Amino acid sequence: MSESTFVKDIMKGSVVSIDSSMTVKDAAEMMDDAEVGGIVVMENNTATGIITERDIVRRIVAKNKGHSTKLKDAMSTPLITISPDETVWELAQLMKVKKIHRVPVTSGSKLVGMVTTSDLARVCSLGSNAELSRITDQIIMRMKSSDQK
């Protein structure tokens, strides 16, 4: 990975999505079938939110709501997205600041991919140990300088 690694280089192109009129149970079944921890919620063919395992635990199970709850009432909004042309560094910063683990990738208003913290970890583990050490040092230096601002 270098500073010129872009979101489009690490994103997954296939994104599981569901309509906002569907229920939490529908989303949970889709997540289980696809073996993913979150699904983009669509409304009128536009990505408007995301539903994650964490959302289901916190907004449905912990609040004793039924699994027939509509996704519109359980999803996280507004949807935080990133462009495929942003750098992986900008992606990492966005995830850190917003405290999120999944970021849908959009080009204009079109949903084109998904990146997760696992994708970031996978990319950071590639390359030689010397390169990884250099990248880690750069990230730590940048984090320290951004935390001091």
N, C-alpha and C. Protein backbone atom coordinates (compact mmCIF):
# COMPACT_ATOMS: atom_id res chain seq x y z
N MET A 1 0.84 -1.18 0.00
CA MET A 1 0.00 0.00 0.00
C MET A 1 0.88 1.23 0.00
N SER A 2 0.51 2.23 -0.75
CA SER A 2 1.23 3.49 -0.74
C SER A 2 0.21 4.61 -0.58
N GLU A 3 0.71 5.84 -0.53
CA GLU A 3 -0.22 6.96 -0.39
C GLU A 3 -1.13 7.09 -1.60
N SER A 4 -0.74 6.46 -2.72
CA SER A 4 -1.57 6.55 -3.92
C SER A 4 -2.50 5.35 -4.09
N THR A 5 -2.72 4.60 -3.02
CA THR A 5 -3.71 3.53 -3.08
C THR A 5 -5.08 4.17 -2.89
N PHE A 6 -6.00 3.84 -3.76
CA PHE A 6 -7.31 4.47 -3.74
C PHE A 6 -8.38 3.49 -3.28
N VAL A 7 -9.51 4.05 -2.87
CA VAL A 7 -10.65 3.25 -2.42
C VAL A 7 -11.04 2.24 -3.50
N LYS A 8 -11.04 2.67 -4.76
CA LYS A 8 -11.43 1.77 -5.85
C LYS A 8 -10.51 0.56 -5.96
N ASP A 9 -9.27 0.67 -5.43
CA ASP A 9 -8.32 -0.43 -5.48
C ASP A 9 -8.61 -1.51 -4.45
N ILE A 10 -9.34 -1.18 -3.39
CA ILE A 10 -9.58 -2.16 -2.32
C ILE A 10 -11.04 -2.48 -2.08
N MET A 11 -11.96 -1.72 -2.68
CA MET A 11 -13.39 -1.93 -2.40
C MET A 11 -13.88 -3.24 -3.02
N LYS A 12 -14.94 -3.75 -2.43
CA LYS A 12 -15.66 -4.87 -3.01
C LYS A 12 -16.72 -4.29 -3.92
N GLY A 13 -16.80 -4.78 -5.14
CA GLY A 13 -17.73 -4.24 -6.11
C GLY A 13 -19.16 -4.70 -5.94
N SER A 14 -19.35 -5.86 -5.31
CA SER A 14 -20.71 -6.34 -5.12
C SER A 14 -21.19 -5.91 -3.74
N VAL A 15 -22.30 -5.21 -3.71
CA VAL A 15 -22.84 -4.69 -2.46
C VAL A 15 -24.22 -5.29 -2.24
N VAL A 16 -24.45 -5.81 -1.05
CA VAL A 16 -25.76 -6.34 -0.70
C VAL A 16 -26.61 -5.14 -0.29
N SER A 17 -27.79 -5.04 -0.89
CA SER A 17 -28.69 -3.93 -0.54
C SER A 17 -30.11 -4.45 -0.38
N ILE A 18 -30.92 -3.63 0.28
CA ILE A 18 -32.29 -4.02 0.60
C ILE A 18 -33.15 -2.76 0.57
N ASP A 19 -34.41 -2.92 0.25
CA ASP A 19 -35.32 -1.77 0.21
C ASP A 19 -35.75 -1.37 1.62
N SER A 20 -35.91 -0.08 1.84
CA SER A 20 -36.25 0.45 3.17
C SER A 20 -37.61 -0.02 3.68
N SER A 21 -38.47 -0.53 2.79
CA SER A 21 -39.79 -1.01 3.21
C SER A 21 -39.72 -2.41 3.82
N MET A 22 -38.58 -3.09 3.67
CA MET A 22 -38.43 -4.45 4.21
C MET A 22 -38.22 -4.38 5.72
N THR A 23 -38.22 -5.55 6.35
CA THR A 23 -38.12 -5.59 7.81
C THR A 23 -36.70 -5.94 8.28
N VAL A 24 -36.50 -5.74 9.58
CA VAL A 24 -35.23 -6.09 10.21
C VAL A 24 -34.96 -7.59 10.03
N LYS A 25 -36.00 -8.41 10.14
CA LYS A 25 -35.83 -9.85 9.95
C LYS A 25 -35.35 -10.15 8.54
N ASP A 26 -35.92 -9.48 7.53
CA ASP A 26 -35.48 -9.66 6.14
C ASP A 26 -33.99 -9.32 6.02
N ALA A 27 -33.58 -8.22 6.62
CA ALA A 27 -32.18 -7.79 6.56
C ALA A 27 -31.27 -8.80 7.26
N ALA A 28 -31.69 -9.28 8.43
CA ALA A 28 -30.89 -10.26 9.17
C ALA A 28 -30.71 -11.54 8.35
N GLU A 29 -31.76 -11.98 7.69
CA GLU A 29 -31.67 -13.17 6.85
C GLU A 29 -30.71 -12.94 5.67
N MET A 30 -30.79 -11.76 5.06
CA MET A 30 -29.90 -11.44 3.94
C MET A 30 -28.45 -11.38 4.41
N MET A 31 -28.21 -10.78 5.58
CA MET A 31 -26.85 -10.71 6.12
C MET A 31 -26.31 -12.11 6.37
N ASP A 32 -27.14 -12.96 6.93
CA ASP A 32 -26.74 -14.34 7.21
C ASP A 32 -26.42 -15.08 5.92
N ASP A 33 -27.30 -14.97 4.94
CA ASP A 33 -27.09 -15.65 3.65
C ASP A 33 -25.82 -15.17 2.95
N ALA A 34 -25.58 -13.85 2.98
CA ALA A 34 -24.44 -13.26 2.28
C ALA A 34 -23.16 -13.27 3.13
N GLU A 35 -23.31 -13.64 4.41
CA GLU A 35 -22.18 -13.64 5.35
C GLU A 35 -21.51 -12.27 5.43
N VAL A 36 -22.35 -11.24 5.61
CA VAL A 36 -21.87 -9.87 5.79
C VAL A 36 -22.47 -9.30 7.07
N GLY A 37 -21.86 -8.26 7.58
CA GLY A 37 -22.31 -7.65 8.83
C GLY A 37 -23.13 -6.39 8.65
N GLY A 38 -23.38 -6.01 7.40
CA GLY A 38 -24.18 -4.81 7.15
C GLY A 38 -24.69 -4.78 5.73
N ILE A 39 -25.83 -4.13 5.55
CA ILE A 39 -26.47 -4.03 4.24
C ILE A 39 -26.87 -2.58 4.00
N VAL A 40 -26.63 -2.12 2.78
CA VAL A 40 -27.05 -0.77 2.39
C VAL A 40 -28.57 -0.78 2.17
N VAL A 41 -29.23 0.25 2.72
CA VAL A 41 -30.68 0.37 2.58
C VAL A 41 -30.98 1.36 1.47
N MET A 42 -31.83 0.92 0.54
CA MET A 42 -32.17 1.71 -0.64
C MET A 42 -33.60 2.24 -0.54
N GLU A 43 -33.80 3.42 -1.10
CA GLU A 43 -35.14 3.99 -1.21
C GLU A 43 -35.22 4.65 -2.57
N ASN A 44 -36.15 4.21 -3.39
CA ASN A 44 -36.28 4.71 -4.76
C ASN A 44 -34.96 4.63 -5.51
N ASN A 45 -34.29 3.48 -5.42
CA ASN A 45 -33.01 3.20 -6.09
C ASN A 45 -31.87 4.12 -5.65
N THR A 46 -32.00 4.73 -4.49
CA THR A 46 -30.94 5.57 -3.94
C THR A 46 -30.54 5.04 -2.58
N ALA A 47 -29.24 4.94 -2.34
CA ALA A 47 -28.74 4.49 -1.05
C ALA A 47 -29.02 5.58 -0.01
N THR A 48 -29.82 5.25 1.01
CA THR A 48 -30.20 6.25 2.00
C THR A 48 -29.76 5.93 3.42
N GLY A 49 -29.36 4.67 3.66
CA GLY A 49 -28.95 4.29 5.01
C GLY A 49 -28.22 2.96 4.98
N ILE A 50 -27.89 2.49 6.18
CA ILE A 50 -27.24 1.20 6.32
C ILE A 50 -27.80 0.54 7.57
N ILE A 51 -27.94 -0.78 7.52
CA ILE A 51 -28.37 -1.54 8.70
C ILE A 51 -27.26 -2.54 8.98
N THR A 52 -26.79 -2.55 10.22
CA THR A 52 -25.70 -3.43 10.61
C THR A 52 -26.15 -4.34 11.75
N GLU A 53 -25.34 -5.36 12.00
CA GLU A 53 -25.64 -6.24 13.13
C GLU A 53 -25.73 -5.41 14.41
N ARG A 54 -24.86 -4.46 14.55
CA ARG A 54 -24.85 -3.60 15.74
C ARG A 54 -26.15 -2.80 15.86
N ASP A 55 -26.64 -2.27 14.73
CA ASP A 55 -27.92 -1.54 14.74
C ASP A 55 -29.04 -2.45 15.23
N ILE A 56 -29.05 -3.68 14.76
CA ILE A 56 -30.11 -4.63 15.15
C ILE A 56 -30.04 -4.91 16.65
N VAL A 57 -28.83 -5.10 17.16
CA VAL A 57 -28.69 -5.36 18.59
C VAL A 57 -29.13 -4.14 19.41
N ARG A 58 -28.65 -2.96 19.03
CA ARG A 58 -28.91 -1.76 19.84
C ARG A 58 -30.32 -1.18 19.66
N ARG A 59 -30.82 -1.20 18.42
CA ARG A 59 -32.10 -0.52 18.16
C ARG A 59 -33.31 -1.45 18.18
N ILE A 60 -33.08 -2.73 18.07
CA ILE A 60 -34.20 -3.68 18.03
C ILE A 60 -34.18 -4.58 19.27
N VAL A 61 -33.15 -5.39 19.41
CA VAL A 61 -33.09 -6.37 20.50
C VAL A 61 -33.05 -5.67 21.86
N ALA A 62 -32.14 -4.71 22.04
CA ALA A 62 -31.99 -4.03 23.34
C ALA A 62 -33.23 -3.21 23.71
N LYS A 63 -33.97 -2.76 22.71
CA LYS A 63 -35.17 -1.94 22.96
C LYS A 63 -36.44 -2.79 22.93
N ASN A 64 -36.26 -4.11 22.82
CA ASN A 64 -37.36 -5.05 22.83
C ASN A 64 -38.40 -4.78 21.73
N LYS A 65 -37.89 -4.37 20.55
CA LYS A 65 -38.77 -4.16 19.40
C LYS A 65 -38.85 -5.45 18.59
N GLY A 66 -39.89 -5.61 17.84
CA GLY A 66 -40.09 -6.83 17.06
C GLY A 66 -39.25 -6.89 15.80
N HIS A 67 -39.04 -8.11 15.31
CA HIS A 67 -38.26 -8.28 14.10
C HIS A 67 -39.01 -7.85 12.85
N SER A 68 -40.28 -7.47 13.03
CA SER A 68 -41.05 -6.96 11.89
C SER A 68 -40.90 -5.43 11.74
N THR A 69 -40.04 -4.83 12.56
CA THR A 69 -39.76 -3.40 12.46
C THR A 69 -39.22 -3.08 11.06
N LYS A 70 -39.74 -2.03 10.46
CA LYS A 70 -39.29 -1.63 9.12
C LYS A 70 -37.87 -1.08 9.20
N LEU A 71 -37.10 -1.36 8.17
CA LEU A 71 -35.71 -0.89 8.13
C LEU A 71 -35.61 0.63 8.23
N LYS A 72 -36.59 1.30 7.68
CA LYS A 72 -36.62 2.76 7.73
C LYS A 72 -36.54 3.26 9.18
N ASP A 73 -37.07 2.46 10.12
CA ASP A 73 -37.09 2.84 11.53
C ASP A 73 -35.88 2.31 12.31
N ALA A 74 -35.01 1.55 11.67
CA ALA A 74 -33.88 0.95 12.38
C ALA A 74 -32.52 1.28 11.78
N MET A 75 -32.51 1.75 10.54
CA MET A 75 -31.24 1.96 9.85
C MET A 75 -30.50 3.19 10.37
N SER A 76 -29.20 3.22 10.10
CA SER A 76 -28.38 4.39 10.42
C SER A 76 -28.44 5.36 9.25
N THR A 77 -28.76 6.60 9.56
CA THR A 77 -28.79 7.67 8.56
C THR A 77 -28.23 8.92 9.22
N PRO A 78 -27.74 9.88 8.50
CA PRO A 78 -27.54 9.84 7.05
C PRO A 78 -26.43 8.86 6.69
N LEU A 79 -26.47 8.36 5.48
CA LEU A 79 -25.48 7.40 5.01
C LEU A 79 -24.17 8.12 4.74
N ILE A 80 -23.11 7.63 5.37
CA ILE A 80 -21.78 8.20 5.17
C ILE A 80 -21.11 7.39 4.07
N THR A 81 -20.74 8.05 2.98
CA THR A 81 -20.16 7.36 1.82
C THR A 81 -18.80 7.97 1.48
N ILE A 82 -18.12 7.32 0.56
CA ILE A 82 -16.84 7.82 0.06
C ILE A 82 -16.78 7.59 -1.44
N SER A 83 -16.00 8.41 -2.11
CA SER A 83 -15.80 8.28 -3.55
C SER A 83 -14.73 7.22 -3.83
N PRO A 84 -14.85 6.51 -4.95
CA PRO A 84 -13.83 5.52 -5.29
C PRO A 84 -12.47 6.15 -5.55
N ASP A 85 -12.45 7.46 -5.81
CA ASP A 85 -11.20 8.16 -6.13
C ASP A 85 -10.51 8.77 -4.91
N GLU A 86 -11.09 8.59 -3.73
CA GLU A 86 -10.42 9.04 -2.50
C GLU A 86 -9.31 8.05 -2.16
N THR A 87 -8.34 8.50 -1.38
CA THR A 87 -7.24 7.61 -1.00
C THR A 87 -7.65 6.74 0.18
N VAL A 88 -6.91 5.66 0.36
CA VAL A 88 -7.14 4.77 1.49
C VAL A 88 -6.90 5.52 2.80
N TRP A 89 -5.94 6.45 2.80
CA TRP A 89 -5.69 7.28 3.99
C TRP A 89 -6.95 8.08 4.34
N GLU A 90 -7.58 8.70 3.34
CA GLU A 90 -8.80 9.47 3.59
C GLU A 90 -9.93 8.56 4.10
N LEU A 91 -9.99 7.35 3.58
CA LEU A 91 -10.97 6.37 4.06
C LEU A 91 -10.73 6.06 5.53
N ALA A 92 -9.49 5.79 5.89
CA ALA A 92 -9.16 5.47 7.29
C ALA A 92 -9.51 6.63 8.21
N GLN A 93 -9.23 7.85 7.77
CA GLN A 93 -9.56 9.03 8.57
C GLN A 93 -11.07 9.15 8.78
N LEU A 94 -11.84 8.94 7.69
CA LEU A 94 -13.30 9.01 7.76
C LEU A 94 -13.82 7.98 8.75
N MET A 95 -13.32 6.75 8.67
CA MET A 95 -13.77 5.70 9.58
C MET A 95 -13.43 6.05 11.03
N LYS A 96 -12.26 6.61 11.24
CA LYS A 96 -11.83 6.98 12.60
C LYS A 96 -12.71 8.10 13.16
N VAL A 97 -12.89 9.16 12.39
CA VAL A 97 -13.65 10.32 12.85
C VAL A 97 -15.12 9.97 13.08
N LYS A 98 -15.70 9.22 12.16
CA LYS A 98 -17.13 8.89 12.25
C LYS A 98 -17.39 7.65 13.10
N LYS A 99 -16.32 6.94 13.49
CA LYS A 99 -16.43 5.71 14.30
C LYS A 99 -17.32 4.68 13.62
N ILE A 100 -16.99 4.41 12.34
CA ILE A 100 -17.76 3.44 11.56
C ILE A 100 -16.82 2.37 11.00
N HIS A 101 -17.39 1.21 10.68
CA HIS A 101 -16.60 0.08 10.22
C HIS A 101 -16.89 -0.30 8.77
N ARG A 102 -17.93 0.28 8.21
CA ARG A 102 -18.32 -0.01 6.83
C ARG A 102 -18.67 1.30 6.14
N VAL A 103 -18.13 1.46 4.92
CA VAL A 103 -18.41 2.69 4.17
C VAL A 103 -18.81 2.32 2.74
N PRO A 104 -20.06 2.61 2.38
CA PRO A 104 -20.46 2.41 0.98
C PRO A 104 -19.68 3.38 0.08
N VAL A 105 -19.36 2.90 -1.12
CA VAL A 105 -18.63 3.71 -2.09
C VAL A 105 -19.63 4.16 -3.15
N THR A 106 -19.68 5.47 -3.38
CA THR A 106 -20.62 6.01 -4.36
C THR A 106 -19.89 6.86 -5.38
N SER A 107 -20.37 6.77 -6.60
CA SER A 107 -19.88 7.61 -7.68
C SER A 107 -21.09 8.41 -8.15
N GLY A 108 -21.08 9.70 -7.85
CA GLY A 108 -22.29 10.49 -8.05
C GLY A 108 -23.32 9.99 -7.07
N SER A 109 -24.49 9.61 -7.56
CA SER A 109 -25.51 9.05 -6.67
C SER A 109 -25.58 7.53 -6.78
N LYS A 110 -24.67 6.94 -7.55
CA LYS A 110 -24.70 5.48 -7.80
C LYS A 110 -23.83 4.73 -6.79
N LEU A 111 -24.40 3.70 -6.19
CA LEU A 111 -23.69 2.82 -5.27
C LEU A 111 -22.81 1.89 -6.10
N VAL A 112 -21.47 1.95 -5.88
CA VAL A 112 -20.56 1.16 -6.71
C VAL A 112 -19.71 0.16 -5.92
N GLY A 113 -19.75 0.24 -4.59
CA GLY A 113 -18.93 -0.69 -3.82
C GLY A 113 -19.10 -0.52 -2.33
N MET A 114 -18.28 -1.29 -1.59
CA MET A 114 -18.30 -1.23 -0.12
C MET A 114 -16.87 -1.48 0.35
N VAL A 115 -16.46 -0.74 1.38
CA VAL A 115 -15.17 -1.01 2.03
C VAL A 115 -15.41 -1.14 3.52
N THR A 116 -14.64 -2.05 4.13
CA THR A 116 -14.79 -2.31 5.57
C THR A 116 -13.42 -2.20 6.24
N THR A 117 -13.44 -2.20 7.56
CA THR A 117 -12.18 -2.18 8.29
C THR A 117 -11.37 -3.43 7.97
N SER A 118 -12.03 -4.54 7.68
CA SER A 118 -11.32 -5.76 7.29
C SER A 118 -10.57 -5.55 5.97
N ASP A 119 -11.18 -4.82 5.04
CA ASP A 119 -10.51 -4.53 3.77
C ASP A 119 -9.26 -3.69 4.02
N LEU A 120 -9.37 -2.72 4.91
CA LEU A 120 -8.22 -1.88 5.27
C LEU A 120 -7.12 -2.72 5.91
N ALA A 121 -7.48 -3.58 6.83
CA ALA A 121 -6.49 -4.42 7.51
C ALA A 121 -5.80 -5.35 6.51
N ARG A 122 -6.57 -5.88 5.58
CA ARG A 122 -6.00 -6.78 4.57
C ARG A 122 -4.97 -6.05 3.72
N VAL A 123 -5.31 -4.84 3.30
CA VAL A 123 -4.40 -4.06 2.46
C VAL A 123 -3.15 -3.64 3.23
N CYS A 124 -3.32 -3.32 4.50
CA CYS A 124 -2.17 -2.91 5.32
C CYS A 124 -1.24 -4.07 5.60
N SER A 125 -1.74 -5.30 5.51
CA SER A 125 -0.90 -6.46 5.80
C SER A 125 -0.13 -6.95 4.58
N LEU A 126 -0.39 -6.36 3.42
CA LEU A 126 0.32 -6.76 2.20
C LEU A 126 1.69 -6.10 2.14
N GLY A 127 2.58 -6.67 1.39
CA GLY A 127 3.89 -6.07 1.20
C GLY A 127 4.90 -6.56 2.22
N SER A 128 6.08 -6.05 2.09
CA SER A 128 7.17 -6.49 2.97
C SER A 128 7.01 -5.93 4.37
N ASN A 129 7.66 -6.56 5.32
CA ASN A 129 7.62 -6.07 6.70
C ASN A 129 8.20 -4.67 6.80
N ALA A 130 9.24 -4.38 6.04
CA ALA A 130 9.85 -3.05 6.06
C ALA A 130 8.85 -2.01 5.55
N GLU A 131 8.15 -2.35 4.47
CA GLU A 131 7.16 -1.43 3.91
C GLU A 131 6.01 -1.23 4.90
N LEU A 132 5.55 -2.32 5.51
CA LEU A 132 4.47 -2.24 6.48
C LEU A 132 4.88 -1.37 7.66
N SER A 133 6.10 -1.54 8.12
CA SER A 133 6.61 -0.75 9.24
C SER A 133 6.65 0.74 8.87
N ARG A 134 7.10 1.05 7.65
CA ARG A 134 7.16 2.44 7.19
C ARG A 134 5.75 3.05 7.13
N ILE A 135 4.81 2.30 6.58
CA ILE A 135 3.43 2.78 6.46
C ILE A 135 2.82 3.00 7.85
N THR A 136 3.04 2.04 8.74
CA THR A 136 2.53 2.16 10.10
C THR A 136 3.09 3.40 10.78
N ASP A 137 4.39 3.64 10.62
CA ASP A 137 5.02 4.83 11.19
C ASP A 137 4.39 6.11 10.64
N GLN A 138 4.12 6.13 9.33
CA GLN A 138 3.49 7.30 8.70
C GLN A 138 2.09 7.53 9.27
N ILE A 139 1.33 6.46 9.42
CA ILE A 139 -0.03 6.57 9.94
C ILE A 139 -0.01 7.10 11.38
N ILE A 140 0.89 6.55 12.19
CA ILE A 140 0.98 7.00 13.59
C ILE A 140 1.38 8.46 13.66
N MET A 141 2.34 8.88 12.84
CA MET A 141 2.75 10.29 12.83
C MET A 141 1.58 11.20 12.43
N ARG A 142 0.84 10.80 11.40
CA ARG A 142 -0.31 11.60 10.96
C ARG A 142 -1.39 11.66 12.01
N MET A 143 -1.62 10.51 12.69
CA MET A 143 -2.65 10.49 13.74
C MET A 143 -2.26 11.42 14.88
N LYS A 144 -0.99 11.40 15.25
CA LYS A 144 -0.52 12.28 16.33
C LYS A 144 -0.68 13.74 15.95
N SER A 145 -0.31 14.08 14.70
CA SER A 145 -0.42 15.48 14.28
C SER A 145 -1.88 15.91 14.15
N SER A 146 -2.77 15.00 13.71
CA SER A 146 -4.19 15.39 13.57
C SER A 146 -4.87 15.46 14.94
N ASP A 147 -4.40 14.66 15.91
CA ASP A 147 -4.98 14.71 17.26
C ASP A 147 -4.58 15.99 17.99
N GLN A 148 -3.47 16.59 17.60
CA GLN A 148 -2.97 17.79 18.27
C GLN A 148 -3.64 19.06 17.73
N LYS A 149 -4.34 18.93 16.62
CA LYS A 149 -4.99 20.11 16.01
C LYS A 149 -6.25 20.48 16.75
